Amino acid sequence: SDPLLERLQEDERQGKVFAGHTRDLDGFLRADFEKQNIKSFLSVSVFAHGHLWGTLAVNDCVAEREWTDEEEATLHIIALAIGDAIEHSPSDAHASEVIRRTMLQASLDAIVVIDETGSIIEFNPAAEKMFGFPRSDILGKDLLDTIVPIYYRKGYASGAEYMSGRGAPMVGQRLETVTQNAAGEVFPIELTATEMRVADRRLI
């Protein structure tokens, strides 16, 4: 048995926060985290019906970092909301939707989701704050016509084509680029683009 894993399981049952750097771990957990390229981690327990249901974690796979009190508090709030959704949901599908919505709303990072045509189908509160577009105004509009700077749009037919890039796709990458807000002001951002398959749809 792995002493660290046993201690971690007991801490989870007690609702303790598990946070730190992979280099400070040992045994199976360190090997597993290194395989996933995890540098730093933050994990909290999710309780439902008075029992440990699971854990909610965020990781930094680029560089080591110290998690702020605000980030820890936000993760706790999301964990509480997930537990509440599980306890009160009539179905697993509904619980999954509540969990997804809660995480989108509570995220400190701006989250923008586009479909295969480049149309924006999700725009969370952090994105509203960053870009200055109300969610109700920007949903359904093309990424290319909204938050992509004008001088980057040339040669692309849609936001989906822009994200696919020319020989160097953004999807599956974490990179530094620039964007623009509702006022047309251009500023730098760190972008992480992930592809999702939902039924027959391709989302980014």
Protein backbone atom coordinates (compact mmCIF):
# COMPACT_ATOMS: atom_id res chain seq x y z
CA SER A 1 0.00 0.00 0.00
CA ASP A 2 1.00 3.62 -0.52
CA PRO A 3 1.05 5.65 2.74
CA LEU A 4 0.48 8.92 0.88
CA LEU A 5 -2.60 7.58 -0.91
CA GLU A 6 -4.00 6.24 2.36
CA ARG A 7 -3.49 9.60 4.07
CA LEU A 8 -5.01 11.43 1.12
CA GLN A 9 -8.12 9.23 1.20
CA GLU A 10 -8.56 9.92 4.91
CA ASP A 11 -8.07 13.68 4.36
CA GLU A 12 -10.72 13.59 1.62
CA ARG A 13 -13.20 11.95 3.97
CA GLN A 14 -12.51 14.74 6.46
CA GLY A 15 -12.97 17.41 3.80
CA LYS A 16 -9.38 18.65 3.90
CA VAL A 17 -7.86 20.55 0.96
CA PHE A 18 -5.13 18.77 -1.00
CA ALA A 19 -2.82 21.27 -2.66
CA GLY A 20 0.84 21.54 -3.56
CA HIS A 21 3.50 20.70 -6.13
CA THR A 22 4.18 17.35 -7.76
CA ARG A 23 7.89 17.57 -6.91
CA ASP A 24 6.99 17.38 -3.22
CA LEU A 25 5.11 14.08 -3.62
CA ASP A 26 6.45 10.55 -3.76
CA GLY A 27 5.32 7.05 -4.64
CA PHE A 28 2.51 6.23 -7.06
CA LEU A 29 0.89 9.67 -6.89
CA ARG A 30 4.05 11.48 -7.96
CA ALA A 31 4.62 9.05 -10.82
CA ASP A 32 1.01 9.42 -11.97
CA PHE A 33 1.08 13.23 -11.79
CA GLU A 34 4.40 13.41 -13.64
CA LYS A 35 2.95 11.18 -16.37
CA GLN A 36 0.11 13.71 -16.76
CA ASN A 37 2.62 16.60 -16.67
CA ILE A 38 0.91 18.11 -13.61
CA LYS A 39 3.11 20.72 -11.94
CA SER A 40 0.76 22.00 -9.21
CA PHE A 41 -2.62 20.78 -7.97
CA LEU A 42 -5.59 21.86 -5.87
CA SER A 43 -8.32 19.43 -4.82
CA VAL A 44 -11.39 19.63 -2.57
CA SER A 45 -13.94 17.04 -1.49
CA VAL A 46 -17.49 16.82 -2.82
CA PHE A 47 -20.08 15.53 -0.35
CA ALA A 48 -23.62 14.36 -1.12
CA HIS A 49 -26.18 12.78 1.21
CA GLY A 50 -23.69 13.05 4.06
CA HIS A 51 -21.01 10.96 2.35
CA LEU A 52 -17.90 11.59 0.27
CA TRP A 53 -19.07 11.52 -3.36
CA GLY A 54 -15.82 12.44 -5.07
CA THR A 55 -13.25 15.18 -5.48
CA LEU A 56 -13.02 18.31 -7.60
CA ALA A 57 -9.55 19.30 -8.74
CA VAL A 58 -7.74 21.87 -10.85
CA ASN A 59 -4.17 21.42 -12.04
CA ASP A 60 -1.50 23.57 -13.63
CA CYS A 61 0.38 21.59 -16.25
CA VAL A 62 2.57 24.46 -17.43
CA ALA A 63 4.32 25.82 -14.34
CA GLU A 64 4.32 25.53 -10.57
CA ARG A 65 2.04 27.98 -8.81
CA GLU A 66 0.68 28.93 -5.40
CA TRP A 67 -3.12 28.77 -5.27
CA THR A 68 -4.80 31.91 -3.94
CA ASP A 69 -7.42 32.01 -1.20
CA GLU A 70 -9.92 33.20 -3.82
CA GLU A 71 -9.23 30.21 -6.06
CA GLU A 72 -9.58 27.79 -3.14
CA ALA A 73 -12.82 29.44 -2.00
CA THR A 74 -14.23 29.29 -5.53
CA LEU A 75 -13.45 25.58 -5.80
CA HIS A 76 -15.19 24.99 -2.46
CA ILE A 77 -18.28 26.85 -3.67
CA ILE A 78 -18.40 24.77 -6.84
CA ALA A 79 -17.97 21.56 -4.80
CA LEU A 80 -20.88 22.56 -2.54
CA ALA A 81 -23.05 23.34 -5.57
CA ILE A 82 -22.22 19.98 -7.14
CA GLY A 83 -23.11 18.16 -3.93
CA ASP A 84 -26.39 20.06 -3.70
CA ALA A 85 -27.20 19.27 -7.35
CA ILE A 86 -26.59 15.56 -6.78
CA GLU A 87 -28.82 15.52 -3.69
CA HIS A 88 -31.71 17.32 -5.36
CA SER A 89 -31.48 16.14 -8.96
CA PRO A 90 -34.13 13.71 -10.26
CA SER A 91 -31.72 12.31 -12.83
CA ASP A 92 -28.02 11.95 -13.60
CA ALA A 93 -28.46 13.97 -16.80
CA HIS A 94 -29.97 16.88 -14.92
CA ALA A 95 -27.24 16.73 -12.28
CA SER A 96 -24.58 16.82 -15.01
CA GLU A 97 -26.18 19.90 -16.55
CA VAL A 98 -26.38 21.68 -13.18
CA ILE A 99 -22.74 20.84 -12.49
CA ARG A 100 -21.65 22.10 -15.91
CA ARG A 101 -23.60 25.33 -15.53
CA THR A 102 -22.30 25.94 -12.01
CA MET A 103 -18.69 25.48 -13.06
CA LEU A 104 -19.13 27.81 -16.02
CA GLN A 105 -20.73 30.50 -13.89
CA ALA A 106 -18.19 30.26 -11.07
CA SER A 107 -15.04 30.00 -13.19
CA LEU A 108 -12.56 32.83 -12.71
CA ASP A 109 -11.30 32.23 -16.26
CA ALA A 110 -13.10 33.53 -19.32
CA ILE A 111 -14.73 30.61 -21.15
CA VAL A 112 -15.92 30.98 -24.74
CA VAL A 113 -17.37 28.00 -26.64
CA ILE A 114 -17.93 27.96 -30.41
CA ASP A 115 -19.52 25.34 -32.64
CA GLU A 116 -18.29 23.93 -35.94
CA THR A 117 -19.51 27.02 -37.82
CA GLY A 118 -17.62 29.43 -35.55
CA SER A 119 -20.75 30.71 -33.80
CA ILE A 120 -20.42 31.47 -30.09
CA ILE A 121 -22.72 29.19 -28.08
CA GLU A 122 -21.39 29.81 -24.55
CA PHE A 123 -19.97 32.94 -22.92
CA ASN A 124 -19.53 32.84 -19.15
CA PRO A 125 -19.59 35.81 -16.68
CA ALA A 126 -15.78 36.01 -16.62
CA ALA A 127 -15.83 36.36 -20.42
CA GLU A 128 -18.46 39.10 -20.18
CA LYS A 129 -16.20 40.98 -17.78
CA MET A 130 -13.07 40.50 -19.88
CA PHE A 131 -14.53 41.36 -23.28
CA GLY A 132 -17.32 43.77 -22.36
CA PHE A 133 -19.97 41.92 -24.36
CA PRO A 134 -23.25 40.96 -22.62
CA ARG A 135 -23.84 37.22 -23.04
CA SER A 136 -27.25 37.82 -24.61
CA ASP A 137 -25.71 40.05 -27.29
CA ILE A 138 -22.81 37.86 -28.33
CA LEU A 139 -24.41 34.40 -28.42
CA GLY A 140 -24.94 33.28 -32.01
CA LYS A 141 -22.34 35.68 -33.42
CA ASP A 142 -19.18 34.45 -35.10
CA LEU A 143 -15.97 34.47 -33.08
CA LEU A 144 -14.18 36.06 -36.04
CA ASP A 145 -16.50 39.09 -36.02
CA THR A 146 -16.32 39.76 -32.28
CA ILE A 147 -13.19 39.08 -30.24
CA VAL A 148 -10.62 38.37 -32.98
CA PRO A 149 -8.66 41.56 -33.89
CA ILE A 150 -9.46 42.86 -37.37
CA TYR A 151 -5.92 42.42 -38.68
CA TYR A 152 -6.02 38.71 -37.77
CA ARG A 153 -9.27 38.01 -39.65
CA LYS A 154 -7.94 38.26 -43.20
CA GLY A 155 -8.15 35.00 -45.12
CA TYR A 156 -10.45 33.23 -42.68
CA ALA A 157 -14.09 32.49 -43.44
CA SER A 158 -15.17 31.84 -39.85
CA GLY A 159 -14.05 31.64 -36.24
CA ALA A 160 -13.85 27.85 -36.52
CA GLU A 161 -11.44 28.15 -39.46
CA TYR A 162 -9.41 30.73 -37.52
CA MET A 163 -9.04 28.36 -34.55
CA SER A 164 -7.90 25.59 -36.92
CA GLY A 165 -5.08 27.87 -38.03
CA ARG A 166 -2.78 27.61 -41.01
CA GLY A 167 -0.42 24.73 -40.37
CA ALA A 168 -0.36 25.47 -36.62
CA PRO A 169 -3.82 24.86 -35.13
CA MET A 170 -4.69 26.47 -31.80
CA VAL A 171 -6.80 23.52 -30.68
CA GLY A 172 -4.97 21.39 -28.13
CA GLN A 173 -2.48 24.15 -27.42
CA ARG A 174 -1.81 26.65 -24.66
CA LEU A 175 -0.37 29.80 -26.14
CA GLU A 176 -0.08 33.55 -25.87
CA THR A 177 -2.03 35.59 -28.41
CA VAL A 178 -4.08 38.78 -28.60
CA THR A 179 -7.79 39.47 -28.60
CA GLN A 180 -10.07 42.50 -28.60
CA ASN A 181 -12.96 43.69 -26.46
CA ALA A 182 -16.29 45.29 -27.32
CA ALA A 183 -14.61 48.70 -27.56
CA GLY A 184 -12.12 47.40 -30.13
CA GLU A 185 -9.21 47.53 -27.69
CA VAL A 186 -6.58 44.86 -28.34
CA PHE A 187 -4.86 43.14 -25.42
CA PRO A 188 -2.77 39.99 -24.79
CA ILE A 189 -4.21 36.78 -23.34
CA GLU A 190 -3.11 33.25 -22.55
CA LEU A 191 -5.35 30.93 -24.56
CA THR A 192 -6.11 27.26 -24.00
CA ALA A 193 -8.23 25.70 -26.76
CA THR A 194 -9.84 22.28 -26.31
CA GLU A 195 -11.97 20.33 -28.77
CA MET A 196 -15.13 18.60 -27.53
CA ARG A 197 -17.40 16.14 -29.32
CA VAL A 198 -21.04 16.37 -28.22
CA ALA A 199 -23.27 13.95 -30.14
CA ASP A 200 -22.45 14.78 -33.77
CA ARG A 201 -21.22 18.30 -33.01
CA ARG A 202 -17.66 19.59 -32.80
CA LEU A 203 -17.22 22.29 -30.18
CA ILE A 204 -14.15 24.33 -29.26
